[in-house]
Amino acid sequence: MPSLGTTVSSPTGQPFLVTWPRAALEPLASRAAADTVSPMTEDTGAAEEAAVGEVPHDAVVDLLGALSYAQLSGFEALAADAAMTPHLRAKVAFARMGVEMFHRCERVGVRLRELGADHEVAMTPFVASVDAFHERTKPSDWLEGVVKAYVGDGIVRDFYSEMAIHLDSANEAFVAEMLGNAGGADAIVQEVRAAIDGDARLSGRLALWARRIMGEAIHSTQSVAVERDSLTALLVGGEPGSDLNEVGRMFARISQAHTVRMEALGLSA
């Protein structure tokens, strides 16, 4: 079956292809286009032209619900990982990043209520997929926790920023502004660089761990996107002539951003 994909690193460092079956995506893109764009007529041309490109309300609520639970679960994971840290500097870094995640969750809740949606109801469909990611990526020590926080949060922010491009301008701006703050990322970079300085074995172990986080995070974002038809349609644009290959290009951009983050940590991508 023809599919779309992009190559990311496996836990062993070997490349593997993340694929999206065209057969699954094409009907959803067509359905979204049909829902948001109506045929033009002489009598209603102006009104229909204004409706072109309108994003379905369900898609906005689903995306914000998924984003909110990703932040809430990230906060919980950071709180648990902080208990493993050996010194206060690392605990502060975890705490700063966790607080930022919780504030994002709260801000999305306010936004959802403004849209007439219930915060808890909007998050519920995505609990299983996001929790599965954290279950599969439990760190064995504080450094793995630090790397997971930095890499995982970066991928989540990149993914939802990419998805938000397809929203209306107001909600796109809301997501972009909210995700622009990386929280305690700079402190985490310093922690990792200090720990691996002169220790090639530790550097290699953490690099492999970061690649695993990358692969699992991509899988998790896939799971979230296909959880609801509205998100899958949003992913491919949901407009006439949507370029399905953009899905692959989107994940390629996320992968490239991950490489930049790995370089900042002093780890091999």
Protein backbone atom coordinates (compact mmCIF):
# COMPACT_ATOMS: atom_id res chain seq x y z
CA MET A 1 0.00 0.00 0.00
CA PRO A 2 1.51 3.40 -0.94
CA SER A 3 2.47 5.39 2.12
CA LEU A 4 4.14 8.55 3.29
CA GLY A 5 7.08 8.60 5.63
CA THR A 6 10.24 10.10 7.01
CA THR A 7 13.35 8.47 8.43
CA VAL A 8 14.19 8.79 12.13
CA SER A 9 16.62 6.97 14.40
CA SER A 10 15.82 3.79 16.26
CA PRO A 11 17.00 3.02 19.81
CA THR A 12 20.06 1.33 18.29
CA GLY A 13 20.85 4.27 16.05
CA GLN A 14 19.67 2.56 12.88
CA PRO A 15 17.28 4.57 10.68
CA PHE A 16 13.68 3.50 10.34
CA LEU A 17 10.78 4.89 8.36
CA VAL A 18 7.76 6.45 10.02
CA THR A 19 4.91 5.81 7.60
CA TRP A 20 1.40 7.13 7.09
CA PRO A 21 -0.76 5.00 4.75
CA ARG A 22 -2.22 7.12 1.95
CA ALA A 23 -5.36 5.00 2.01
CA ALA A 24 -6.01 6.17 5.57
CA LEU A 25 -5.19 9.82 4.99
CA GLU A 26 -6.76 10.60 1.61
CA PRO A 27 -10.41 9.94 2.57
CA LEU A 28 -10.00 12.03 5.71
CA ALA A 29 -8.51 14.94 3.81
CA SER A 30 -11.37 14.77 1.32
CA ARG A 31 -13.93 14.58 4.14
CA ALA A 32 -12.43 17.61 5.87
CA ALA A 33 -12.48 19.56 2.63
CA ALA A 34 -16.13 18.67 2.08
CA ASP A 35 -16.98 19.77 5.62
CA THR A 36 -15.24 23.13 5.36
CA VAL A 37 -15.74 24.20 1.73
CA SER A 38 -19.18 24.39 0.09
CA PRO A 39 -19.96 24.72 -3.63
CA MET A 40 -20.14 28.31 -4.92
CA THR A 41 -23.38 29.74 -6.30
CA GLU A 42 -24.27 33.20 -7.61
CA ASP A 43 -26.49 33.95 -4.64
CA THR A 44 -24.17 32.78 -1.89
CA GLY A 45 -20.76 33.31 -3.48
CA ALA A 46 -19.50 35.91 -1.00
CA ALA A 47 -20.60 33.97 2.06
CA GLU A 48 -19.17 30.72 0.76
CA GLU A 49 -15.89 32.39 -0.17
CA ALA A 50 -15.54 33.56 3.42
CA ALA A 51 -16.05 29.99 4.62
CA VAL A 52 -13.23 28.54 2.51
CA GLY A 53 -10.46 27.25 4.75
CA GLU A 54 -12.54 27.40 7.92
CA VAL A 55 -11.27 24.88 10.46
CA PRO A 56 -13.90 22.57 11.99
CA HIS A 57 -14.55 23.31 15.67
CA ASP A 58 -13.91 19.65 16.56
CA ALA A 59 -10.41 19.83 15.08
CA VAL A 60 -9.50 22.86 17.19
CA VAL A 61 -10.87 21.31 20.37
CA ASP A 62 -9.17 17.96 19.70
CA LEU A 63 -5.79 19.55 18.99
CA LEU A 64 -5.96 21.70 22.11
CA GLY A 65 -7.14 18.75 24.19
CA ALA A 66 -4.23 16.61 23.01
CA LEU A 67 -1.76 19.43 23.61
CA SER A 68 -3.12 20.05 27.10
CA TYR A 69 -2.81 16.43 28.18
CA ALA A 70 0.70 16.23 26.72
CA GLN A 71 1.65 19.13 29.01
CA LEU A 72 -0.11 17.69 32.05
CA SER A 73 1.50 14.28 31.64
CA GLY A 74 4.89 15.90 31.02
CA PHE A 75 4.53 17.81 34.28
CA GLU A 76 3.73 14.58 36.15
CA ALA A 77 6.72 12.78 34.61
CA LEU A 78 9.08 15.61 35.52
CA ALA A 79 7.84 15.63 39.10
CA ALA A 80 8.59 11.91 39.38
CA ASP A 81 11.99 12.21 37.68
CA ALA A 82 13.05 15.07 39.96
CA ALA A 83 13.16 12.63 42.88
CA MET A 84 16.13 10.88 41.23
CA THR A 85 18.29 13.98 40.89
CA PRO A 86 21.42 14.06 43.07
CA HIS A 87 21.65 17.81 43.63
CA LEU A 88 19.49 20.89 43.96
CA ARG A 89 20.60 22.50 40.69
CA ALA A 90 19.07 19.65 38.70
CA LYS A 91 15.92 19.68 40.83
CA VAL A 92 15.47 23.38 40.07
CA ALA A 93 15.86 22.70 36.36
CA PHE A 94 13.19 19.98 36.52
CA ALA A 95 10.91 22.19 38.60
CA ARG A 96 11.20 25.18 36.25
CA MET A 97 10.35 23.06 33.21
CA GLY A 98 7.51 21.31 35.05
CA VAL A 99 5.95 24.59 36.13
CA GLU A 100 6.04 25.84 32.55
CA MET A 101 4.28 22.68 31.36
CA PHE A 102 1.58 22.97 34.00
CA HIS A 103 0.98 26.61 33.13
CA ARG A 104 0.57 25.61 29.47
CA CYS A 105 -2.00 23.01 30.49
CA GLU A 106 -3.93 25.61 32.46
CA ARG A 107 -3.80 28.14 29.64
CA VAL A 108 -5.17 25.61 27.18
CA GLY A 109 -7.96 24.84 29.65
CA VAL A 110 -8.95 28.50 29.69
CA ARG A 111 -8.87 28.60 25.90
CA LEU A 112 -11.05 25.52 25.62
CA ARG A 113 -13.63 27.00 27.94
CA GLU A 114 -13.66 30.15 25.80
CA LEU A 115 -14.48 27.86 22.86
CA GLY A 116 -17.35 26.29 24.79
CA ALA A 117 -15.53 22.99 25.41
CA ASP A 118 -14.90 21.09 28.64
CA HIS A 119 -11.20 20.83 29.49
CA GLU A 120 -11.28 17.32 30.95
CA VAL A 121 -13.53 15.94 28.21
CA ALA A 122 -11.21 17.39 25.53
CA MET A 123 -8.14 15.70 27.06
CA THR A 124 -9.68 12.28 27.70
CA PRO A 125 -9.36 10.70 24.21
CA PHE A 126 -5.58 11.14 24.29
CA VAL A 127 -4.78 9.80 27.75
CA ALA A 128 -3.99 6.24 26.63
CA SER A 129 -1.63 7.24 23.81
CA VAL A 130 0.31 9.79 25.83
CA ASP A 131 0.51 7.61 28.95
CA ALA A 132 1.81 4.73 26.82
CA PHE A 133 4.71 6.94 25.71
CA HIS A 134 5.71 7.64 29.31
CA GLU A 135 5.31 3.98 30.25
CA ARG A 136 7.68 2.96 27.44
CA THR A 137 10.26 5.62 28.29
CA LYS A 138 10.74 5.45 32.04
CA PRO A 139 14.28 6.69 32.74
CA SER A 140 16.65 4.49 34.71
CA ASP A 141 18.52 7.42 36.27
CA TRP A 142 18.33 11.19 36.62
CA LEU A 143 20.40 11.91 33.51
CA GLU A 144 18.06 9.86 31.35
CA GLY A 145 15.23 11.82 32.94
CA VAL A 146 16.93 15.11 32.06
CA VAL A 147 17.52 14.05 28.45
CA LYS A 148 13.98 12.77 28.09
CA ALA A 149 12.57 16.05 29.41
CA TYR A 150 14.65 18.13 26.99
CA VAL A 151 14.23 15.96 23.90
CA GLY A 152 10.62 14.98 24.54
CA ASP A 153 9.42 18.51 25.28
CA GLY A 154 11.16 19.81 22.18
CA ILE A 155 9.49 17.24 19.92
CA VAL A 156 6.08 17.88 21.48
CA ARG A 157 6.42 21.64 21.00
CA ASP A 158 7.59 21.17 17.41
CA PHE A 159 4.74 18.79 16.56
CA TYR A 160 1.94 20.94 17.96
CA SER A 161 3.44 24.09 16.47
CA GLU A 162 3.40 22.37 13.08
CA MET A 163 -0.18 21.18 13.54
CA ALA A 164 -1.31 24.64 14.66
CA ILE A 165 -0.34 26.07 11.28
CA HIS A 166 -3.58 24.55 9.96
CA LEU A 167 -5.76 26.29 12.58
CA ASP A 168 -7.44 29.66 12.24
CA SER A 169 -5.13 32.62 12.81
CA ALA A 170 -6.26 33.32 16.38
CA ASN A 171 -5.72 29.76 17.63
CA GLU A 172 -2.50 29.38 15.65
CA ALA A 173 -1.14 32.50 17.32
CA PHE A 174 -2.27 31.23 20.74
CA VAL A 175 -0.41 27.91 20.32
CA ALA A 176 2.70 29.51 18.81
CA GLU A 177 3.03 32.07 21.60
CA MET A 178 2.42 29.51 24.33
CA LEU A 179 4.94 26.99 23.01
CA GLY A 180 7.60 29.58 22.32
CA ASN A 181 8.94 29.39 25.89
CA ALA A 182 11.13 26.32 26.41
CA GLY A 183 11.02 26.61 30.20
CA GLY A 184 14.23 25.33 31.85
CA ALA A 185 15.82 23.99 28.66
CA ASP A 186 19.04 26.01 29.00
CA ALA A 187 19.66 24.64 32.51
CA ILE A 188 19.11 21.09 31.26
CA VAL A 189 21.67 21.58 28.49
CA GLN A 190 24.22 22.67 31.09
CA GLU A 191 23.48 19.64 33.29
CA VAL A 192 24.01 17.16 30.46
CA ARG A 193 27.14 18.83 29.13
CA ALA A 194 28.70 18.90 32.59
CA ALA A 195 27.88 15.22 33.19
CA ILE A 196 29.29 13.90 29.91
CA ASP A 197 32.43 16.03 29.89
CA GLY A 198 35.29 13.58 29.39
CA ASP A 199 33.03 10.52 29.73
CA ALA A 200 32.63 8.96 26.29
CA ARG A 201 30.76 5.93 27.59
CA LEU A 202 28.11 8.06 29.31
CA SER A 203 27.85 10.27 26.25
CA GLY A 204 27.23 7.25 24.04
CA ARG A 205 24.61 5.83 26.40
CA LEU A 206 22.70 9.09 26.58
CA ALA A 207 22.88 9.54 22.80
CA LEU A 208 21.26 6.12 22.31
CA TRP A 209 18.64 6.99 24.92
CA ALA A 210 17.85 10.28 23.16
CA ARG A 211 17.39 8.43 19.87
CA ARG A 212 14.98 6.10 21.58
CA ILE A 213 13.02 9.06 22.95
CA MET A 214 12.90 10.51 19.45
CA GLY A 215 11.50 7.31 17.96
CA GLU A 216 8.97 6.81 20.75
CA ALA A 217 7.88 10.45 20.63
CA ILE A 218 7.28 10.29 16.89
CA HIS A 219 5.27 7.10 17.39
CA SER A 220 3.28 8.81 20.15
CA THR A 221 2.47 11.86 18.02
CA GLN A 222 1.33 9.52 15.26
CA SER A 223 -0.96 7.75 17.71
CA VAL A 224 -2.41 11.06 18.87
CA ALA A 225 -2.97 12.28 15.31
CA VAL A 226 -4.88 9.17 14.24
CA GLU A 227 -6.89 9.01 17.46
CA ARG A 228 -9.47 11.37 15.95
CA ASP A 229 -10.48 11.81 12.31
CA SER A 230 -10.43 15.58 12.79
CA LEU A 231 -6.72 15.55 13.70
CA THR A 232 -5.74 13.24 10.87
CA ALA A 233 -7.51 15.54 8.41
CA LEU A 234 -5.89 18.57 10.05
CA LEU A 235 -2.49 16.93 9.67
CA VAL A 236 -2.81 16.82 5.89
CA GLY A 237 -4.27 20.30 5.64
CA GLY A 238 -7.92 19.38 5.13
CA GLU A 239 -8.23 21.52 2.02
CA PRO A 240 -8.68 20.76 -1.70
CA GLY A 241 -5.35 19.76 -3.20
CA SER A 242 -3.76 19.06 0.16
CA ASP A 243 -0.21 17.82 -0.33
CA LEU A 244 -0.04 14.50 1.50
CA ASN A 245 3.72 14.49 1.10
CA GLU A 246 3.79 17.45 3.51
CA VAL A 247 3.25 14.93 6.31
CA GLY A 248 6.64 13.42 5.55
CA ARG A 249 8.23 16.83 5.21
CA MET A 250 6.76 17.89 8.55
CA PHE A 251 8.33 14.95 10.36
CA ALA A 252 11.60 15.60 8.53
CA ARG A 253 11.59 19.14 9.95
CA ILE A 254 10.91 17.77 13.43
CA SER A 255 13.78 15.31 13.00
CA GLN A 256 16.11 18.12 11.92
CA ALA A 257 15.16 20.19 14.96
CA HIS A 258 15.92 17.15 17.11
CA THR A 259 19.40 16.98 15.59
CA VAL A 260 19.99 20.60 16.56
CA ARG A 261 18.90 19.88 20.13
CA MET A 262 21.22 16.88 20.31
CA GLU A 263 24.13 19.06 19.21
CA ALA A 264 23.25 21.55 21.94
CA LEU A 265 23.45 18.71 24.48
CA GLY A 266 26.82 17.65 23.12
CA LEU A 267 25.41 14.27 22.02
CA SER A 268 25.59 12.50 18.69
CA ALA A 269 22.29 12.44 16.82
